Protein backbone atom coordinates (compact mmCIF):
# COMPACT_ATOMS: atom_id res chain seq x y z
CA MET A 1 0.00 0.00 0.00
CA LYS A 2 1.47 3.33 -1.07
CA HIS A 3 1.70 5.80 1.79
CA THR A 4 2.58 9.44 2.44
CA LYS A 5 5.06 10.67 5.03
CA VAL A 6 3.53 12.35 8.06
CA ILE A 7 5.51 15.55 7.47
CA GLU A 8 3.99 15.85 4.00
CA VAL A 9 0.46 15.22 5.29
CA LEU A 10 0.83 17.87 8.00
CA GLN A 11 1.97 20.42 5.40
CA SER A 12 -0.69 19.47 2.85
CA ASP A 13 -3.53 21.72 1.74
CA GLN A 14 -5.28 18.88 -0.11
CA LEU A 15 -8.26 18.61 2.25
CA LEU A 16 -11.01 16.03 1.74
CA GLN A 17 -8.59 13.85 -0.21
CA PRO A 18 -7.86 10.17 0.56
CA VAL A 19 -4.54 9.58 2.34
CA THR A 20 -2.61 6.65 3.82
CA ILE A 21 0.12 7.01 6.44
CA LYS A 22 2.26 4.44 8.23
CA GLY A 23 4.01 4.84 11.54
CA TRP A 24 4.12 3.99 15.22
CA VAL A 25 1.43 4.73 17.81
CA ARG A 26 2.54 7.41 20.27
CA SER A 27 -0.78 7.61 22.15
CA PHE A 28 -4.35 6.31 21.88
CA ARG A 29 -7.15 8.05 23.77
CA ASN A 30 -10.77 7.05 24.35
CA ASP A 31 -10.58 4.31 21.71
CA ARG A 32 -10.86 7.17 19.23
CA PHE A 33 -7.82 9.49 18.94
CA ILE A 34 -4.55 7.96 17.69
CA ALA A 35 -1.33 10.00 17.57
CA VAL A 36 0.98 8.49 14.93
CA ASN A 37 4.60 9.36 14.21
CA ASP A 38 6.77 7.96 11.40
CA GLY A 39 10.07 9.68 12.22
CA SER A 40 9.84 12.23 9.40
CA THR A 41 9.00 15.05 11.83
CA ILE A 42 8.80 15.81 15.55
CA ASN A 43 5.04 16.30 15.09
CA ASN A 44 2.43 13.52 15.24
CA ILE A 45 -0.60 13.24 12.99
CA GLN A 46 -3.90 12.78 14.80
CA CYS A 47 -6.10 10.03 13.37
CA VAL A 48 -9.74 10.01 14.48
CA ILE A 49 -11.89 6.85 14.55
CA GLU A 50 -15.62 7.47 14.21
CA ASP A 51 -18.03 5.18 16.11
CA ASN A 52 -18.20 1.59 14.86
CA THR A 53 -16.13 2.22 11.70
CA ILE A 54 -13.22 -0.02 12.72
CA ASN A 55 -13.50 -3.63 13.87
CA GLN A 56 -13.14 -3.85 17.68
CA GLU A 57 -10.53 -6.61 17.31
CA ILE A 58 -8.30 -4.13 15.43
CA VAL A 59 -9.01 -1.33 17.93
CA ASP A 60 -7.93 -3.59 20.80
CA ARG A 61 -4.52 -4.03 19.13
CA ILE A 62 -3.85 -0.28 18.80
CA ASN A 63 -1.32 0.08 21.59
CA ILE A 64 1.60 2.47 22.18
CA GLY A 65 4.58 1.31 20.13
CA ALA A 66 2.53 -0.67 17.60
CA ALA A 67 3.25 -0.12 13.89
CA ILE A 68 0.10 0.67 11.95
CA ALA A 69 -1.12 1.75 8.52
CA VAL A 70 -3.99 4.26 8.58
CA SER A 71 -6.14 5.18 5.58
CA GLY A 72 -8.76 7.87 5.57
CA THR A 73 -9.62 11.40 4.56
CA LEU A 74 -7.54 14.46 5.38
CA VAL A 75 -9.78 17.03 7.07
CA GLU A 76 -9.44 20.29 8.97
CA SER A 77 -8.97 19.51 12.64
CA GLU A 78 -11.68 20.42 15.10
CA GLY A 79 -9.35 20.14 18.08
CA LYS A 80 -6.52 22.32 19.31
CA GLY A 81 -2.87 21.68 18.56
CA GLN A 82 -3.10 20.56 14.94
CA ARG A 83 -4.23 22.12 11.68
CA VAL A 84 -5.30 18.89 9.98
CA GLU A 85 -6.16 15.33 11.00
CA ILE A 86 -7.14 12.07 9.34
CA GLN A 87 -10.70 10.81 9.50
CA VAL A 88 -10.05 7.07 9.62
CA SER A 89 -11.66 4.61 7.21
CA ALA A 90 -9.30 1.64 7.60
CA ILE A 91 -6.49 0.52 9.92
CA GLU A 92 -4.01 -2.29 9.42
CA ILE A 93 -1.78 -3.50 12.25
CA GLU A 94 1.70 -4.07 10.80
CA GLY A 95 3.40 -4.90 14.10
CA ASP A 96 1.88 -5.45 17.54
CA ALA A 97 3.33 -4.10 20.80
CA ASN A 98 2.26 -5.85 24.00
CA PRO A 99 1.20 -3.08 26.43
CA GLU A 100 2.54 -4.98 29.45
CA GLU A 101 5.94 -5.29 27.80
CA VAL A 102 5.88 -1.66 26.65
CA LYS A 103 5.47 -0.55 30.28
CA LYS A 104 8.94 -1.99 30.99
CA THR A 105 10.55 0.13 28.26
CA ILE A 106 11.24 3.79 27.52
CA LEU A 107 8.33 3.69 25.03
CA SER A 108 5.94 4.00 27.99
CA PRO A 109 4.41 7.51 28.10
CA LYS A 110 6.24 8.93 31.11
CA ARG A 111 9.42 10.94 31.62
CA HIS A 112 12.61 8.93 31.59
CA SER A 113 16.10 10.09 32.55
CA LEU A 114 18.74 10.38 29.83
CA GLU A 115 20.68 7.64 31.62
CA LYS A 116 17.66 5.33 31.35
CA LEU A 117 17.37 6.16 27.66
CA ARG A 118 21.04 5.23 27.13
CA GLU A 119 20.35 1.82 28.64
CA GLN A 120 17.79 1.24 25.86
CA ALA A 121 19.66 2.99 23.06
CA HIS A 122 17.96 0.72 20.48
CA LEU A 123 14.58 2.29 21.36
CA ARG A 124 15.48 5.87 22.27
CA VAL A 125 15.24 7.20 18.71
CA ARG A 126 11.47 6.64 19.02
CA THR A 127 11.27 9.30 21.73
CA ASN A 128 10.72 12.96 20.81
CA THR A 129 14.09 14.09 22.15
CA PHE A 130 16.19 11.55 20.29
CA GLY A 131 14.11 11.72 17.12
CA ALA A 132 14.86 15.46 17.05
CA ILE A 133 18.58 14.96 17.82
CA MET A 134 19.06 12.33 15.12
CA ARG A 135 17.19 14.30 12.45
CA LEU A 136 19.42 17.28 13.27
CA ARG A 137 22.49 15.04 13.13
CA SER A 138 21.41 13.86 9.68
CA LYS A 139 20.87 17.40 8.40
CA LEU A 140 24.22 18.52 9.81
CA SER A 141 25.92 15.60 8.02
CA TYR A 142 24.35 16.71 4.76
CA ALA A 143 25.37 20.33 5.38
CA VAL A 144 29.01 19.25 5.91
CA HIS A 145 29.15 17.61 2.49
CA ASP A 146 27.12 20.41 0.91
CA TYR A 147 29.59 23.06 2.09
CA PHE A 148 32.72 21.29 0.90
CA GLN A 149 31.25 20.16 -2.41
CA LYS A 150 30.02 23.69 -3.18
CA ASN A 151 33.54 24.94 -2.46
CA ASP A 152 35.19 22.39 -4.77
CA PHE A 153 36.74 20.19 -2.11
CA HIS A 154 37.26 16.53 -3.01
CA TYR A 155 35.89 13.92 -0.59
CA VAL A 156 38.58 11.39 0.32
CA HIS A 157 38.08 8.13 2.21
CA THR A 158 41.15 7.68 4.40
CA PRO A 159 41.89 4.26 5.93
CA ILE A 160 40.14 2.98 9.04
CA ILE A 161 43.01 0.54 9.67
CA THR A 162 46.39 2.24 9.67
CA GLY A 163 49.98 1.80 10.79
CA SER A 164 50.30 5.41 11.94
CA ASP A 165 49.26 7.18 15.13
CA ALA A 166 48.75 10.71 13.81
CA GLU A 167 48.61 12.33 17.23
CA GLY A 168 51.59 10.42 18.58
CA ALA A 169 49.68 9.87 21.81
CA GLY A 170 49.65 6.08 21.70
CA GLU A 171 45.95 5.94 22.57
CA ALA A 172 44.96 3.71 19.67
CA PHE A 173 42.96 0.49 19.48
CA LYS A 174 45.19 -2.30 18.20
CA VAL A 175 44.05 -4.40 15.24
CA THR A 176 44.99 -8.08 15.02
CA ASN A 177 43.72 -11.45 13.85
CA MET A 178 46.24 -13.38 15.97
CA ASP A 179 45.01 -16.17 18.22
CA LEU A 180 44.98 -14.28 21.51
CA ASN A 181 45.48 -17.56 23.39
CA ASN A 182 48.63 -18.31 21.40
CA ILE A 183 50.32 -15.05 20.46
CA PRO A 184 53.57 -15.57 18.50
CA LYS A 185 56.68 -14.13 20.15
CA ASP A 186 60.18 -13.41 18.83
CA GLU A 187 63.42 -14.58 20.43
CA ASN A 188 63.30 -11.64 22.87
CA GLY A 189 59.81 -12.55 24.04
CA ASN A 190 58.13 -9.63 22.26
CA ILE A 191 55.03 -9.99 20.13
CA ASP A 192 56.05 -10.97 16.59
CA HIS A 193 53.89 -8.65 14.48
CA SER A 194 55.38 -10.08 11.28
CA LYS A 195 53.11 -13.09 11.86
CA ASP A 196 50.00 -10.91 11.99
CA PHE A 197 47.56 -10.27 9.11
CA PHE A 198 49.28 -7.10 7.87
CA GLY A 199 52.79 -8.21 8.86
CA ARG A 200 53.20 -5.22 11.15
CA GLU A 201 51.54 -3.50 14.10
CA THR A 202 48.32 -1.73 13.09
CA ASN A 203 45.51 0.14 14.80
CA LEU A 204 42.16 1.81 14.21
CA THR A 205 42.67 5.36 12.95
CA VAL A 206 42.81 8.24 15.40
CA SER A 207 42.75 10.71 12.51
CA GLY A 208 42.76 10.70 8.72
CA GLN A 209 44.94 13.81 8.66
CA LEU A 210 48.30 12.42 7.55
CA GLU A 211 46.77 10.48 4.66
CA GLY A 212 44.58 13.51 3.90
CA GLU A 213 47.66 15.69 3.58
CA THR A 214 49.09 13.41 0.90
CA TYR A 215 45.92 13.82 -1.15
CA ALA A 216 45.80 17.60 -0.70
CA ILE A 217 49.30 17.66 -2.21
CA GLY A 218 47.82 16.50 -5.48
CA LEU A 219 44.12 17.36 -5.49
CA GLY A 220 44.59 20.82 -3.98
CA GLN A 221 41.85 20.70 -1.36
CA ILE A 222 40.23 17.66 0.17
CA TYR A 223 38.12 16.70 3.16
CA THR A 224 37.50 13.51 5.08
CA PHE A 225 34.39 12.75 7.13
CA GLY A 226 34.52 9.39 8.83
CA PRO A 227 34.81 7.41 12.06
CA THR A 228 37.86 7.75 14.28
CA PHE A 229 38.82 5.91 17.45
CA ARG A 230 40.62 6.84 20.67
CA ALA A 231 41.49 4.31 23.38
CA GLU A 232 41.50 7.11 25.93
CA ASN A 233 40.08 6.03 29.29
CA SER A 234 38.04 9.22 29.70
CA ASN A 235 34.66 8.58 31.25
CA THR A 236 33.38 12.13 30.80
CA SER A 237 30.44 13.89 29.16
CA ARG A 238 32.77 15.17 26.39
CA HIS A 239 34.64 12.03 25.28
CA LEU A 240 33.82 8.99 23.16
CA ALA A 241 35.99 6.05 22.13
CA GLU A 242 34.39 6.09 18.65
CA PHE A 243 33.33 9.32 17.00
CA TRP A 244 33.17 11.04 13.60
CA MET A 245 35.71 13.57 12.41
CA ILE A 246 35.59 16.20 9.69
CA GLU A 247 39.10 16.97 8.43
CA PRO A 248 39.77 19.30 5.50
CA GLU A 249 43.31 19.77 4.16
CA ILE A 250 44.23 22.62 1.79
CA ALA A 251 47.37 23.12 -0.28
CA PHE A 252 48.82 26.62 -0.69
CA CYS A 253 47.00 27.79 2.45
CA ASP A 254 48.50 29.33 5.60
CA LEU A 255 47.08 29.52 9.13
CA ASP A 256 45.08 32.69 8.43
CA GLY A 257 43.36 31.00 5.49
CA ASN A 258 42.76 27.94 7.66
CA MET A 259 41.03 30.05 10.34
CA ASP A 260 38.93 31.77 7.68
CA LEU A 261 37.83 28.41 6.29
CA ALA A 262 36.93 26.96 9.70
CA GLU A 263 34.83 29.98 10.69
CA ASP A 264 33.04 30.09 7.34
CA PHE A 265 32.35 26.35 7.46
CA ILE A 266 30.92 26.38 10.99
CA LYS A 267 28.67 29.33 10.21
CA TYR A 268 27.42 27.62 7.05
CA VAL A 269 26.34 24.38 8.74
CA ILE A 270 24.70 26.21 11.65
CA GLN A 271 22.79 28.45 9.22
CA TYR A 272 21.70 25.31 7.33
CA VAL A 273 20.02 23.73 10.36
CA LEU A 274 18.44 27.05 11.37
CA ASP A 275 16.92 27.21 7.89
CA ASN A 276 15.85 23.56 7.67
CA CYS A 277 15.21 22.20 11.19
CA GLN A 278 12.99 24.74 12.91
CA ASP A 279 10.51 22.26 14.43
CA ASP A 280 13.21 20.08 15.97
CA LEU A 281 15.19 23.09 17.23
CA ALA A 282 12.02 24.59 18.74
CA PHE A 283 11.30 21.32 20.55
CA LEU A 284 14.86 21.03 21.92
CA GLU A 285 14.86 24.69 22.89
CA ASN A 286 11.66 24.22 24.90
CA ARG A 287 13.10 21.07 26.47
CA LEU A 288 16.12 23.07 27.68
CA VAL A 289 13.86 25.82 29.06
CA GLN A 290 11.93 23.22 31.09
CA GLU A 291 15.19 21.62 32.24
CA ASP A 292 16.58 25.00 33.30
CA LYS A 293 13.59 25.60 35.58
CA GLN A 294 14.86 22.77 37.80
CA LYS A 295 18.31 24.40 38.16
CA PRO A 296 19.55 27.21 40.42
CA GLN A 297 19.47 30.60 38.70
CA ALA A 298 23.27 30.73 38.39
CA GLU A 299 23.34 27.48 36.39
CA ARG A 300 20.65 28.40 33.87
CA SER A 301 21.46 29.13 30.25
CA GLU A 302 21.91 32.79 29.45
CA MET A 303 20.51 32.32 25.93
CA LEU A 304 17.78 30.26 24.30
CA LEU A 305 19.09 27.53 21.99
CA ARG A 306 18.32 29.24 18.68
CA ASP A 307 19.56 32.58 20.02
CA LYS A 308 22.85 30.87 20.87
CA LEU A 309 23.14 29.56 17.31
CA ARG A 310 22.35 32.99 15.85
CA PHE A 311 24.92 34.49 18.23
CA VAL A 312 27.62 32.40 16.52
CA LEU A 313 26.42 33.55 13.11
CA ASP A 314 26.23 37.21 14.07
CA ASN A 315 29.68 37.52 15.68
CA ASN A 316 33.12 37.35 14.15
CA PHE A 317 35.26 34.81 15.97
CA LYS A 318 37.77 36.65 18.17
CA ARG A 319 41.36 35.73 17.24
CA VAL A 320 43.71 35.69 20.22
CA SER A 321 47.27 34.39 20.56
CA TYR A 322 47.97 31.74 23.16
CA THR A 323 50.39 34.15 24.85
CA GLU A 324 47.69 36.82 25.20
CA ALA A 325 45.20 34.21 26.46
CA ILE A 326 47.63 33.04 29.16
CA GLU A 327 47.99 36.62 30.44
CA ILE A 328 44.20 37.02 30.55
CA LEU A 329 43.81 33.75 32.44
CA LYS A 330 46.69 34.45 34.86
CA ASN A 331 45.08 37.75 35.81
CA SER A 332 41.50 36.47 35.92
CA LYS A 333 39.48 36.40 39.15
CA PRO A 334 38.95 32.60 39.10
CA ASN A 335 42.71 32.10 38.82
CA LYS A 336 43.63 34.61 41.51
CA LYS A 337 40.98 33.20 43.85
CA LYS A 338 42.10 29.63 43.06
CA LYS A 339 38.70 28.71 41.59
CA PHE A 340 40.26 26.92 38.61
CA LYS A 341 40.81 23.22 39.14
CA TYR A 342 44.02 23.66 37.11
CA PRO A 343 45.57 27.02 38.09
CA ILE A 344 47.42 28.96 35.39
CA GLU A 345 50.85 29.78 36.74
CA GLU A 346 53.10 30.28 33.74
CA TRP A 347 53.39 30.35 29.95
CA GLY A 348 53.41 26.83 28.51
CA ALA A 349 50.41 25.46 30.41
CA ASP A 350 48.12 23.13 28.47
CA LEU A 351 44.71 24.80 28.57
CA GLN A 352 41.82 22.82 30.05
CA SER A 353 38.11 23.06 29.27
CA GLU A 354 37.54 25.39 32.24
CA HIS A 355 40.08 27.86 30.83
CA GLU A 356 38.67 27.68 27.33
CA ARG A 357 35.13 28.26 28.55
CA TYR A 358 36.21 31.19 30.71
CA LEU A 359 37.74 32.92 27.68
CA VAL A 360 34.62 32.37 25.57
CA GLU A 361 31.81 32.74 28.09
CA LYS A 362 33.16 35.26 30.59
CA HIS A 363 35.96 37.30 29.03
CA PHE A 364 35.30 37.74 25.30
CA LYS A 365 31.65 36.56 25.26
CA CYS A 366 31.95 35.28 21.70
CA PRO A 367 33.57 32.31 19.90
CA VAL A 368 37.36 32.51 20.16
CA ILE A 369 40.19 31.24 17.95
CA LEU A 370 43.42 30.74 19.88
CA PHE A 371 46.60 30.47 17.82
CA ASP A 372 50.39 30.09 18.09
CA TYR A 373 50.60 27.50 20.87
CA PRO A 374 53.80 26.29 22.58
CA ALA A 375 55.44 23.66 20.39
CA ASN A 376 55.92 21.19 23.23
CA ILE A 377 52.18 20.76 23.87
CA LYS A 378 51.25 20.29 20.20
CA ALA A 379 51.77 17.55 17.60
CA PHE A 380 54.96 17.06 15.59
CA TYR A 381 53.45 18.00 12.22
CA MET A 382 52.61 21.63 13.14
CA ARG A 383 54.75 24.37 11.56
CA LEU A 384 57.40 25.82 13.84
CA ASN A 385 57.32 29.61 14.11
CA GLU A 386 60.43 31.76 13.74
CA ASP A 387 60.64 32.15 17.53
CA GLY A 388 61.50 28.44 17.73
CA LYS A 389 59.12 27.85 20.64
CA THR A 390 55.59 28.21 19.21
CA VAL A 391 53.80 26.51 16.33
CA ARG A 392 51.18 27.67 13.84
CA ALA A 393 48.35 25.87 15.62
CA MET A 394 44.81 27.07 16.21
CA ASP A 395 41.84 25.93 18.31
CA ILE A 396 38.29 27.24 18.03
CA LEU A 397 36.50 27.56 21.36
CA PHE A 398 32.70 27.63 21.75
CA PRO A 399 30.43 28.49 24.67
CA GLY A 400 29.35 25.45 26.65
CA ILE A 401 31.73 23.19 24.74
CA GLY A 402 35.25 24.54 24.93
CA GLU A 403 37.40 23.32 22.03
CA ILE A 404 35.34 22.36 18.98
CA VAL A 405 38.05 22.63 16.28
CA GLY A 406 41.78 21.96 16.35
CA GLY A 407 44.02 22.70 13.38
CA SER A 408 47.31 24.05 12.15
CA GLN A 409 49.50 25.09 9.31
CA ARG A 410 51.53 21.94 8.63
CA GLU A 411 55.33 21.82 8.76
CA GLU A 412 56.27 21.74 5.08
CA ARG A 413 60.08 21.92 5.58
CA LEU A 414 61.59 18.44 5.39
CA GLU A 415 64.59 19.14 7.61
CA VAL A 416 62.52 20.78 10.37
CA LEU A 417 59.98 17.95 10.28
CA GLN A 418 62.75 15.36 10.55
CA GLU A 419 64.26 17.19 13.52
CA LYS A 420 60.88 17.29 15.30
CA MET A 421 60.27 13.59 14.65
CA ALA A 422 63.74 12.71 15.95
CA ALA A 423 63.15 14.72 19.13
CA LEU A 424 59.96 12.73 19.76
CA ASP A 425 61.48 9.35 18.82
CA ILE A 426 59.14 8.93 15.84
CA PRO A 427 61.00 6.59 13.41
CA GLU A 428 61.33 8.02 9.89
CA GLU A 429 60.85 4.55 8.40
CA ASP A 430 57.31 4.46 9.85
CA LEU A 431 56.35 7.65 8.02
CA TRP A 432 58.57 7.52 4.93
CA TRP A 433 55.53 8.07 2.71
CA TYR A 434 54.52 11.18 4.71
CA LEU A 435 58.02 12.61 4.42
CA ASP A 436 57.89 12.06 0.65
CA THR A 437 55.29 14.84 0.41
CA ARG A 438 58.03 17.19 1.64
CA ARG A 439 60.53 15.79 -0.89
CA PHE A 440 58.42 16.12 -4.03
CA GLY A 441 56.81 19.51 -4.45
CA THR A 442 56.31 20.58 -0.85
CA CYS A 443 54.20 23.70 -0.26
CA THR A 444 52.49 25.70 2.45
CA HIS A 445 49.41 23.72 3.51
CA SER A 446 46.95 23.67 6.39
CA GLY A 447 43.98 21.82 7.80
CA PHE A 448 41.82 21.24 10.83
CA GLY A 449 39.78 18.59 12.56
CA LEU A 450 36.27 19.04 13.92
CA GLY A 451 34.73 16.35 16.12
CA PHE A 452 31.28 15.99 14.58
CA GLU A 453 29.61 14.97 17.85
CA ARG A 454 30.82 18.17 19.54
CA LEU A 455 29.17 20.15 16.75
CA VAL A 456 25.92 18.18 17.20
CA LEU A 457 26.22 18.73 20.97
CA PHE A 458 26.39 22.48 20.46
CA VAL A 459 23.56 22.64 17.93
CA THR A 460 21.15 20.48 19.95
CA GLY A 461 21.98 21.99 23.34
CA MET A 462 22.52 18.56 24.86
CA SER A 463 25.00 18.31 27.72
CA ASN A 464 26.38 14.78 27.25
CA ILE A 465 28.14 13.64 24.08
CA ARG A 466 26.68 10.13 24.55
CA ASP A 467 23.29 11.57 23.64
CA VAL A 468 24.20 12.82 20.15
CA ILE A 469 25.48 9.58 18.59
CA PRO A 470 23.23 6.56 17.96
CA TYR A 471 25.26 4.02 19.94
CA PRO A 472 27.91 5.59 22.21
CA ARG A 473 31.17 3.71 22.70
CA THR A 474 32.75 4.56 26.05
CA PRO A 475 34.98 2.74 28.57
CA LEU A 476 33.30 -0.52 29.67
CA SER A 477 30.35 0.14 27.37
CA ALA A 478 29.74 -1.55 24.00
CA GLU A 479 26.34 -3.04 24.70
CA PHE A 480 24.69 -2.57 21.33
């Protein structure tokens, strides 16, 4: 049976016309009023059963969670809260839902905590909150590709399995097909990786950047958008072991051009969801307002969700050197009164989320781009400045999130790159192919990485990163 999406029916002006919709029952009142949702919109369609028009055996099976097909006539609604409704002529039950079993799940019509929803992650997309989040996530994904394709970037699929650890942090998931009960060892008792599938040690990618650079030095400008993995034992509201990264790389581009690109890109995708996701944003905004009412005044949001998004669009990102930021933080009230968990005492400190949020939310009161960080707290591939102690790195800081983008101008000078790798004990033979890009037509080039879930977190107003990805992977948690 051909059917129409609920979102199309709700927007239709074709009254008194036959229509069929399919979806899941959200509520059923008085054996007469069915609210049906098919995932196409936050809004339900009301379907009204007139007396004795539907077999009682069918009516008895219309329970919350059941999948049904409804046929009838689209009419102007007599009730409040909806413009149109369906006058039912036929109902088909496509999938039953036992009401006693439903009561044990998050499909039951009562408020559930976000933690409870995470325990039933396979069902949470059928709630209003997670339906809205996942539709927004989908639209943001489209906007990412739309921006780069419109700006003539080439989409590159970098490897999921790799022999490199781009960050040099060693927090990578190892990949093997060895028999873990009988791991081959060499004469020194070390694992013999030559006996493994790839003949060497490999891991899941922590970043597609290094491979992306090689393609930028050939295609001019590329972007990757794919899953990345970090074996970092961080059980926080801001970290995941598996997440999605957006990583553009641009040849013949310095740090200033990189910052311009990042700001333009972020504003584009936020504008896209403001233009195309008003119903879901309105729902999430209202949810946050209701949530704020339970908090002390000092902890409530200063801006409504959509106002916060427009705030990013309406303000130029403030560009501040790391050195200037350190002086601001050293002289700040929270630092002087020892309110920071990590006090700022001297130049060279690695900034924490509390410092980043202070700069954005209290001092500048706008998104901030920090640049020219100390070399010893940044990765080996970042271009060394003439002062010999800072690198051409940049981070973009957002209210409520802290760092949302990290990037840099890459070190294009072969000799300098080799010196930096040697100082960090990174063997040249492991990255011979990466060094080749500096041997054959090296050029100024830059790029950045944006953790997609942090972007979704900001746009939806959610407070825990586990709530903006379908199935969160965190320490001790891979249930689904």
